[in-house]
């Protein structure tokens, strides 16, 4: 995948490779150790921090960046595999 500016992710629609609309990028979580994007958030990070169950809300309202297949006008992600 080619390099893109972090600011280019904000506001982009996320669509699964099967055509399902996942949401809009509202914020991102960075992995500073690896120097990469860890998650795309479908809600503002500030809103997540106001809840008692941050981990559960984060899991429901984010997409792991490892699922990203393409970034152009939209962000295409692979389908999430069901938990075993």
PDB file of N, CA and C in Angstrom:
ATOM      1  N   UNK A   1       0.856  -1.174   0.000  1.00  0.00           N
ATOM      2  CA  UNK A   1       0.000   0.000   0.000  1.00  0.00           C
ATOM      3  C   UNK A   1       0.903   1.237   0.000  1.00  0.00           C
ATOM      4  N   UNK A   2       0.544   2.237  -0.781  1.00  0.00           N
ATOM      5  CA  UNK A   2       1.336   3.457  -0.833  1.00  0.00           C
ATOM      6  C   UNK A   2       1.114   4.287   0.424  1.00  0.00           C
ATOM      7  N   UNK A   3       2.059   5.149   0.698  1.00  0.00           N
ATOM      8  CA  UNK A   3       1.939   5.998   1.878  1.00  0.00           C
ATOM      9  C   UNK A   3       0.915   7.095   1.624  1.00  0.00           C
ATOM     10  N   UNK A   4       0.138   7.387   2.673  1.00  0.00           N
ATOM     11  CA  UNK A   4      -0.821   8.481   2.607  1.00  0.00           C
ATOM     12  C   UNK A   4      -0.667   9.328   3.854  1.00  0.00           C
ATOM     13  N   UNK A   5      -1.131  10.542   3.766  1.00  0.00           N
ATOM     14  CA  UNK A   5      -1.106  11.432   4.921  1.00  0.00           C
ATOM     15  C   UNK A   5      -2.216  11.014   5.881  1.00  0.00           C
ATOM     16  N   UNK A   6      -1.927  11.061   7.168  1.00  0.00           N
ATOM     17  CA  UNK A   6      -2.903  10.714   8.185  1.00  0.00           C
ATOM     18  C   UNK A   6      -4.174  11.543   8.028  1.00  0.00           C
ATOM     19  N   UNK A   7      -4.027  12.804   7.714  1.00  0.00           N
ATOM     20  CA  UNK A   7      -5.176  13.696   7.566  1.00  0.00           C
ATOM     21  C   UNK A   7      -6.101  13.267   6.430  1.00  0.00           C
ATOM     22  N   UNK A   8      -5.607  12.499   5.473  1.00  0.00           N
ATOM     23  CA  UNK A   8      -6.429  12.032   4.354  1.00  0.00           C
ATOM     24  C   UNK A   8      -7.437  10.964   4.774  1.00  0.00           C
ATOM     25  N   UNK A   9      -7.240  10.332   5.929  1.00  0.00           N
ATOM     26  CA  UNK A   9      -8.150   9.286   6.386  1.00  0.00           C
ATOM     27  C   UNK A   9      -9.446   9.846   6.957  1.00  0.00           C
ATOM     28  N   UNK A  10      -9.356  11.007   7.601  1.00  0.00           N
ATOM     29  CA  UNK A  10     -10.515  11.590   8.276  1.00  0.00           C
ATOM     30  C   UNK A  10     -11.644  11.897   7.295  1.00  0.00           C
ATOM     31  N   UNK A  11     -12.861  11.478   7.667  1.00  0.00           N
ATOM     32  CA  UNK A  11     -14.033  11.769   6.852  1.00  0.00           C
ATOM     33  C   UNK A  11     -14.284  10.784   5.718  1.00  0.00           C
ATOM     34  N   UNK A  12     -13.365   9.855   5.489  1.00  0.00           N
ATOM     35  CA  UNK A  12     -13.561   8.875   4.409  1.00  0.00           C
ATOM     36  C   UNK A  12     -14.548   7.801   4.849  1.00  0.00           C
ATOM     37  N   UNK A  13     -15.351   7.357   3.896  1.00  0.00           N
ATOM     38  CA  UNK A  13     -16.284   6.268   4.142  1.00  0.00           C
ATOM     39  C   UNK A  13     -15.525   4.947   4.106  1.00  0.00           C
ATOM     40  N   UNK A  14     -15.856   4.053   5.037  1.00  0.00           N
ATOM     41  CA  UNK A  14     -15.258   2.722   5.082  1.00  0.00           C
ATOM     42  C   UNK A  14     -16.288   1.740   4.542  1.00  0.00           C
ATOM     43  N   UNK A  15     -15.865   0.940   3.555  1.00  0.00           N
ATOM     44  CA  UNK A  15     -16.742  -0.030   2.912  1.00  0.00           C
ATOM     45  C   UNK A  15     -16.041  -1.383   2.928  1.00  0.00           C
ATOM     46  N   UNK A  16     -16.791  -2.437   3.271  1.00  0.00           N
ATOM     47  CA  UNK A  16     -16.194  -3.778   3.239  1.00  0.00           C
ATOM     48  C   UNK A  16     -16.029  -4.217   1.792  1.00  0.00           C
ATOM     49  N   UNK A  17     -15.154  -5.200   1.574  1.00  0.00           N
ATOM     50  CA  UNK A  17     -14.939  -5.663   0.205  1.00  0.00           C
ATOM     51  C   UNK A  17     -16.161  -6.370  -0.369  1.00  0.00           C
ATOM     52  N   UNK A  18     -17.187  -6.620   0.467  1.00  0.00           N
ATOM     53  CA  UNK A  18     -18.445  -7.187  -0.028  1.00  0.00           C
ATOM     54  C   UNK A  18     -19.478  -6.083  -0.294  1.00  0.00           C
ATOM     55  N   UNK A  19     -19.103  -4.812  -0.066  1.00  0.00           N
ATOM     56  CA  UNK A  19     -19.982  -3.682  -0.360  1.00  0.00           C
ATOM     57  C   UNK A  19     -20.771  -3.141   0.812  1.00  0.00           C
ATOM     58  N   UNK A  20     -20.585  -3.691   2.004  1.00  0.00           N
ATOM     59  CA  UNK A  20     -21.304  -3.216   3.193  1.00  0.00           C
ATOM     60  C   UNK A  20     -20.675  -1.927   3.698  1.00  0.00           C
ATOM     61  N   UNK A  21     -21.493  -0.912   3.945  1.00  0.00           N
ATOM     62  CA  UNK A  21     -20.990   0.351   4.496  1.00  0.00           C
ATOM     63  C   UNK A  21     -20.736   0.145   5.980  1.00  0.00           C
ATOM     64  N   UNK A  22     -19.488   0.384   6.393  1.00  0.00           N
ATOM     65  CA  UNK A  22     -19.081   0.181   7.778  1.00  0.00           C
ATOM     66  C   UNK A  22     -19.241   1.471   8.576  1.00  0.00           C
ATOM     67  N   UNK A  23     -18.888   2.605   7.994  1.00  0.00           N
ATOM     68  CA  UNK A  23     -18.998   3.885   8.680  1.00  0.00           C
ATOM     69  C   UNK A  23     -18.061   4.921   8.090  1.00  0.00           C
ATOM     70  N   UNK A  24     -17.869   6.004   8.824  1.00  0.00           N
ATOM     71  CA  UNK A  24     -17.014   7.121   8.425  1.00  0.00           C
ATOM     72  C   UNK A  24     -15.879   7.242   9.435  1.00  0.00           C
ATOM     73  N   UNK A  25     -14.666   7.512   8.964  1.00  0.00           N
ATOM     74  CA  UNK A  25     -13.526   7.697   9.863  1.00  0.00           C
ATOM     75  C   UNK A  25     -13.676   9.027  10.594  1.00  0.00           C
ATOM     76  N   UNK A  26     -13.841   8.935  11.912  1.00  0.00           N
ATOM     77  CA  UNK A  26     -13.962  10.122  12.758  1.00  0.00           C
ATOM     78  C   UNK A  26     -12.656  10.423  13.491  1.00  0.00           C
ATOM     79  N   UNK A  27     -11.865   9.389  13.743  1.00  0.00           N
ATOM     80  CA  UNK A  27     -10.614   9.558  14.480  1.00  0.00           C
ATOM     81  C   UNK A  27      -9.743   8.334  14.224  1.00  0.00           C
ATOM     82  N   UNK A  28      -8.514   8.372  14.666  1.00  0.00           N
ATOM     83  CA  UNK A  28      -7.604   7.234  14.491  1.00  0.00           C
ATOM     84  C   UNK A  28      -6.854   6.972  15.792  1.00  0.00           C
ATOM     85  N   UNK A  29      -6.420   5.740  15.953  1.00  0.00           N
ATOM     86  CA  UNK A  29      -5.539   5.381  17.064  1.00  0.00           C
ATOM     87  C   UNK A  29      -4.211   4.974  16.439  1.00  0.00           C
ATOM     88  N   UNK A  30      -3.143   5.568  16.941  1.00  0.00           N
ATOM     89  CA  UNK A  30      -1.813   5.304  16.404  1.00  0.00           C
ATOM     90  C   UNK A  30      -1.058   4.315  17.271  1.00  0.00           C
ATOM     91  N   UNK A  31      -0.223   3.518  16.632  1.00  0.00           N
ATOM     92  CA  UNK A  31       0.705   2.623  17.324  1.00  0.00           C
ATOM     93  C   UNK A  31       2.065   3.290  17.221  1.00  0.00           C
ATOM     94  N   UNK A  32       2.454   3.996  18.279  1.00  0.00           N
ATOM     95  CA  UNK A  32       3.699   4.760  18.239  1.00  0.00           C
ATOM     96  C   UNK A  32       4.930   3.874  18.214  1.00  0.00           C
ATOM     97  N   UNK A  33       4.841   2.680  18.787  1.00  0.00           N
ATOM     98  CA  UNK A  33       5.986   1.766  18.770  1.00  0.00           C
ATOM     99  C   UNK A  33       6.330   1.321  17.357  1.00  0.00           C
ATOM    100  N   UNK A  34       5.303   1.066  16.542  1.00  0.00           N
ATOM    101  CA  UNK A  34       5.526   0.621  15.165  1.00  0.00           C
ATOM    102  C   UNK A  34       5.455   1.753  14.156  1.00  0.00           C
ATOM    103  N   UNK A  35       5.036   2.937  14.610  1.00  0.00           N
ATOM    104  CA  UNK A  35       4.931   4.066  13.694  1.00  0.00           C
ATOM    105  C   UNK A  35       3.841   3.875  12.655  1.00  0.00           C
ATOM    106  N   UNK A  36       2.695   3.323  13.083  1.00  0.00           N
ATOM    107  CA  UNK A  36       1.628   3.043  12.129  1.00  0.00           C
ATOM    108  C   UNK A  36       0.264   3.330  12.735  1.00  0.00           C
ATOM    109  N   UNK A  37      -0.750   3.280  11.883  1.00  0.00           N
ATOM    110  CA  UNK A  37      -2.130   3.420  12.338  1.00  0.00           C
ATOM    111  C   UNK A  37      -2.576   2.066  12.866  1.00  0.00           C
ATOM    112  N   UNK A  38      -3.184   2.037  14.053  1.00  0.00           N
ATOM    113  CA  UNK A  38      -3.664   0.788  14.641  1.00  0.00           C
ATOM    114  C   UNK A  38      -5.141   0.569  14.331  1.00  0.00           C
ATOM    115  N   UNK A  39      -5.952   1.610  14.528  1.00  0.00           N
ATOM    116  CA  UNK A  39      -7.402   1.488  14.337  1.00  0.00           C
ATOM    117  C   UNK A  39      -7.963   2.744  13.697  1.00  0.00           C
ATOM    118  N   UNK A  40      -9.025   2.557  12.929  1.00  0.00           N
ATOM    119  CA  UNK A  40      -9.835   3.661  12.427  1.00  0.00           C
ATOM    120  C   UNK A  40     -11.080   3.695  13.291  1.00  0.00           C
ATOM    121  N   UNK A  41     -11.383   4.855  13.866  1.00  0.00           N
ATOM    122  CA  UNK A  41     -12.532   4.976  14.758  1.00  0.00           C
ATOM    123  C   UNK A  41     -13.741   5.522  14.010  1.00  0.00           C
ATOM    124  N   UNK A  42     -14.899   4.944  14.292  1.00  0.00           N
ATOM    125  CA  UNK A  42     -16.147   5.368  13.685  1.00  0.00           C
ATOM    126  C   UNK A  42     -16.856   6.400  14.540  1.00  0.00           C
ATOM    127  N   UNK A  43     -16.212   6.822  15.606  1.00  0.00           N
ATOM    128  CA  UNK A  43     -16.714   7.860  16.508  1.00  0.00           C
ATOM    129  C   UNK A  43     -15.499   8.632  17.027  1.00  0.00           C
ATOM    130  N   UNK A  44     -15.724   9.801  17.548  1.00  0.00           N
ATOM    131  CA  UNK A  44     -14.621  10.609  18.080  1.00  0.00           C
ATOM    132  C   UNK A  44     -14.028   9.941  19.314  1.00  0.00           C
ATOM    133  N   UNK A  45     -12.726   9.991  19.445  1.00  0.00           N
ATOM    134  CA  UNK A  45     -12.039   9.399  20.588  1.00  0.00           C
ATOM    135  C   UNK A  45     -12.536  10.003  21.898  1.00  0.00           C
ATOM    136  N   UNK A  46     -12.797  11.301  21.899  1.00  0.00           N
ATOM    137  CA  UNK A  46     -13.315  11.959  23.110  1.00  0.00           C
ATOM    138  C   UNK A  46     -14.627  11.330  23.563  1.00  0.00           C
ATOM    139  N   UNK A  47     -15.484  10.966  22.621  1.00  0.00           N
ATOM    140  CA  UNK A  47     -16.769  10.346  22.963  1.00  0.00           C
ATOM    141  C   UNK A  47     -16.562   8.960  23.565  1.00  0.00           C
ATOM    142  N   UNK A  48     -15.561   8.232  23.093  1.00  0.00           N
ATOM    143  CA  UNK A  48     -15.264   6.905  23.630  1.00  0.00           C
ATOM    144  C   UNK A  48     -14.790   6.987  25.078  1.00  0.00           C
ATOM    145  N   UNK A  49     -14.035   8.010  25.393  1.00  0.00           N
ATOM    146  CA  UNK A  49     -13.453   8.143  26.715  1.00  0.00           C
ATOM    147  C   UNK A  49     -14.494   8.496  27.776  1.00  0.00           C
ATOM    148  N   UNK A  50     -15.670   8.933  27.356  1.00  0.00           N
ATOM    149  CA  UNK A  50     -16.712   9.338  28.301  1.00  0.00           C
ATOM    150  C   UNK A  50     -17.562   8.170  28.774  1.00  0.00           C
ATOM    151  N   UNK A  51     -17.324   6.982  28.271  1.00  0.00           N
ATOM    152  CA  UNK A  51     -18.136   5.827  28.623  1.00  0.00           C
ATOM    153  C   UNK A  51     -17.440   4.964  29.672  1.00  0.00           C
ATOM    154  N   UNK A  52     -18.216   4.199  30.413  1.00  0.00           N
ATOM    155  CA  UNK A  52     -17.663   3.305  31.437  1.00  0.00           C
ATOM    156  C   UNK A  52     -17.025   2.055  30.832  1.00  0.00           C
ATOM    157  N   UNK A  53     -17.496   1.644  29.685  1.00  0.00           N
ATOM    158  CA  UNK A  53     -17.024   0.406  29.054  1.00  0.00           C
ATOM    159  C   UNK A  53     -16.254   0.731  27.788  1.00  0.00           C
ATOM    160  N   UNK A  54     -15.153   1.446  27.953  1.00  0.00           N
ATOM    161  CA  UNK A  54     -14.380   1.933  26.824  1.00  0.00           C
ATOM    162  C   UNK A  54     -13.931   0.808  25.891  1.00  0.00           C
ATOM    163  N   UNK A  55     -13.431  -0.288  26.427  1.00  0.00           N
ATOM    164  CA  UNK A  55     -12.923  -1.383  25.587  1.00  0.00           C
ATOM    165  C   UNK A  55     -14.023  -1.974  24.717  1.00  0.00           C
ATOM    166  N   UNK A  56     -15.206  -2.185  25.278  1.00  0.00           N
ATOM    167  CA  UNK A  56     -16.318  -2.760  24.509  1.00  0.00           C
ATOM    168  C   UNK A  56     -16.790  -1.797  23.426  1.00  0.00           C
ATOM    169  N   UNK A  57     -16.885  -0.521  23.773  1.00  0.00           N
ATOM    170  CA  UNK A  57     -17.323   0.488  22.799  1.00  0.00           C
ATOM    171  C   UNK A  57     -16.270   0.648  21.706  1.00  0.00           C
ATOM    172  N   UNK A  58     -15.004   0.612  22.087  1.00  0.00           N
ATOM    173  CA  UNK A  58     -13.924   0.717  21.111  1.00  0.00           C
ATOM    174  C   UNK A  58     -13.993  -0.436  20.111  1.00  0.00           C
ATOM    175  N   UNK A  59     -14.192  -1.640  20.598  1.00  0.00           N
ATOM    176  CA  UNK A  59     -14.269  -2.807  19.712  1.00  0.00           C
ATOM    177  C   UNK A  59     -15.445  -2.686  18.749  1.00  0.00           C
ATOM    178  N   UNK A  60     -16.547  -2.135  19.219  1.00  0.00           N
ATOM    179  CA  UNK A  60     -17.751  -2.010  18.390  1.00  0.00           C
ATOM    180  C   UNK A  60     -17.650  -0.877  17.380  1.00  0.00           C
ATOM    181  N   UNK A  61     -16.912   0.169  17.717  1.00  0.00           N
ATOM    182  CA  UNK A  61     -16.871   1.375  16.895  1.00  0.00           C
ATOM    183  C   UNK A  61     -15.495   1.645  16.283  1.00  0.00           C
ATOM    184  N   UNK A  62     -14.764   0.580  15.977  1.00  0.00           N
ATOM    185  CA  UNK A  62     -13.465   0.770  15.330  1.00  0.00           C
ATOM    186  C   UNK A  62     -13.196  -0.352  14.337  1.00  0.00           C
ATOM    187  N   UNK A  63     -12.268  -0.087  13.458  1.00  0.00           N
ATOM    188  CA  UNK A  63     -11.835  -1.058  12.453  1.00  0.00           C
ATOM    189  C   UNK A  63     -10.322  -1.155  12.550  1.00  0.00           C
ATOM    190  N   UNK A  64      -9.801  -2.342  12.724  1.00  0.00           N
ATOM    191  CA  UNK A  64      -8.351  -2.520  12.770  1.00  0.00           C
ATOM    192  C   UNK A  64      -7.763  -2.157  11.405  1.00  0.00           C
ATOM    193  N   UNK A  65      -6.719  -1.362  11.426  1.00  0.00           N
ATOM    194  CA  UNK A  65      -6.124  -0.899  10.171  1.00  0.00           C
ATOM    195  C   UNK A  65      -5.540  -2.057   9.363  1.00  0.00           C
ATOM    196  N   UNK A  66      -5.218  -3.156  10.021  1.00  0.00           N
ATOM    197  CA  UNK A  66      -4.696  -4.330   9.309  1.00  0.00           C
ATOM    198  C   UNK A  66      -5.709  -4.865   8.300  1.00  0.00           C
ATOM    199  N   UNK A  67      -6.989  -4.554   8.479  1.00  0.00           N
ATOM    200  CA  UNK A  67      -8.035  -4.996   7.552  1.00  0.00           C
ATOM    201  C   UNK A  67      -8.103  -4.144   6.284  1.00  0.00           C
ATOM    202  N   UNK A  68      -7.440  -2.978   6.267  1.00  0.00           N
ATOM    203  CA  UNK A  68      -7.518  -2.063   5.129  1.00  0.00           C
ATOM    204  C   UNK A  68      -6.834  -2.681   3.920  1.00  0.00           C
ATOM    205  N   UNK A  69      -7.574  -2.694   2.808  1.00  0.00           N
ATOM    206  CA  UNK A  69      -7.056  -3.223   1.547  1.00  0.00           C
ATOM    207  C   UNK A  69      -6.703  -2.112   0.565  1.00  0.00           C
ATOM    208  N   UNK A  70      -7.442  -0.989   0.632  1.00  0.00           N
ATOM    209  CA  UNK A  70      -7.213   0.097  -0.304  1.00  0.00           C
ATOM    210  C   UNK A  70      -7.743   1.401   0.286  1.00  0.00           C
ATOM    211  N   UNK A  71      -7.005   2.479   0.038  1.00  0.00           N
ATOM    212  CA  UNK A  71      -7.455   3.813   0.430  1.00  0.00           C
ATOM    213  C   UNK A  71      -7.457   4.673  -0.819  1.00  0.00           C
ATOM    214  N   UNK A  72      -8.635   5.146  -1.198  1.00  0.00           N
ATOM    215  CA  UNK A  72      -8.789   6.046  -2.336  1.00  0.00           C
ATOM    216  C   UNK A  72      -9.885   7.037  -1.948  1.00  0.00           C
ATOM    217  N   UNK A  73     -10.937   7.149  -2.754  1.00  0.00           N
ATOM    218  CA  UNK A  73     -12.071   7.996  -2.380  1.00  0.00           C
ATOM    219  C   UNK A  73     -12.768   7.429  -1.147  1.00  0.00           C
ATOM    220  N   UNK A  74     -12.755   6.107  -1.022  1.00  0.00           N
ATOM    221  CA  UNK A  74     -13.275   5.389   0.139  1.00  0.00           C
ATOM    222  C   UNK A  74     -12.168   4.476   0.657  1.00  0.00           C
ATOM    223  N   UNK A  75     -12.394   3.903   1.825  1.00  0.00           N
ATOM    224  CA  UNK A  75     -11.448   2.934   2.383  1.00  0.00           C
ATOM    225  C   UNK A  75     -12.115   1.568   2.282  1.00  0.00           C
ATOM    226  N   UNK A  76     -11.452   0.653   1.595  1.00  0.00           N
ATOM    227  CA  UNK A  76     -11.977  -0.697   1.435  1.00  0.00           C
ATOM    228  C   UNK A  76     -11.298  -1.594   2.462  1.00  0.00           C
ATOM    229  N   UNK A  77     -12.113  -2.343   3.236  1.00  0.00           N
ATOM    230  CA  UNK A  77     -11.580  -3.241   4.253  1.00  0.00           C
ATOM    231  C   UNK A  77     -12.097  -4.646   4.017  1.00  0.00           C
ATOM    232  N   UNK A  78     -11.303  -5.620   4.463  1.00  0.00           N
ATOM    233  CA  UNK A  78     -11.744  -7.006   4.387  1.00  0.00           C
ATOM    234  C   UNK A  78     -12.816  -7.241   5.427  1.00  0.00           C
ATOM    235  N   UNK A  79     -13.631  -8.258   5.201  1.00  0.00           N
ATOM    236  CA  UNK A  79     -14.648  -8.633   6.188  1.00  0.00           C
ATOM    237  C   UNK A  79     -13.947  -9.115   7.448  1.00  0.00           C
ATOM    238  N   UNK A  80     -14.531  -8.788   8.576  1.00  0.00           N
ATOM    239  CA  UNK A  80     -13.962  -9.234   9.850  1.00  0.00           C
ATOM    240  C   UNK A  80     -14.280 -10.712  10.043  1.00  0.00           C
ATOM    241  N   UNK A  81     -13.289 -11.468  10.434  1.00  0.00           N
ATOM    242  CA  UNK A  81     -13.515 -12.890  10.684  1.00  0.00           C
ATOM    243  C   UNK A  81     -14.233 -13.077  12.005  1.00  0.00           C
ATOM    244  N   UNK A  82     -15.200 -13.992  12.058  1.00  0.00           N
ATOM    245  CA  UNK A  82     -15.889 -14.222  13.327  1.00  0.00           C
ATOM    246  C   UNK A  82     -14.941 -14.779  14.377  1.00  0.00           C
ATOM    247  N   UNK A  83     -15.188 -14.401  15.636  1.00  0.00           N
ATOM    248  CA  UNK A  83     -14.347 -14.906  16.740  1.00  0.00           C
ATOM    249  C   UNK A  83     -14.555 -16.393  16.917  1.00  0.00           C
ATOM    250  N   UNK A  84     -13.495 -17.095  17.280  1.00  0.00           N
ATOM    251  CA  UNK A  84     -13.573 -18.544  17.490  1.00  0.00           C
ATOM    252  C   UNK A  84     -13.824 -18.849  18.930  1.00  0.00           C
TER     253      UNK A  84
END
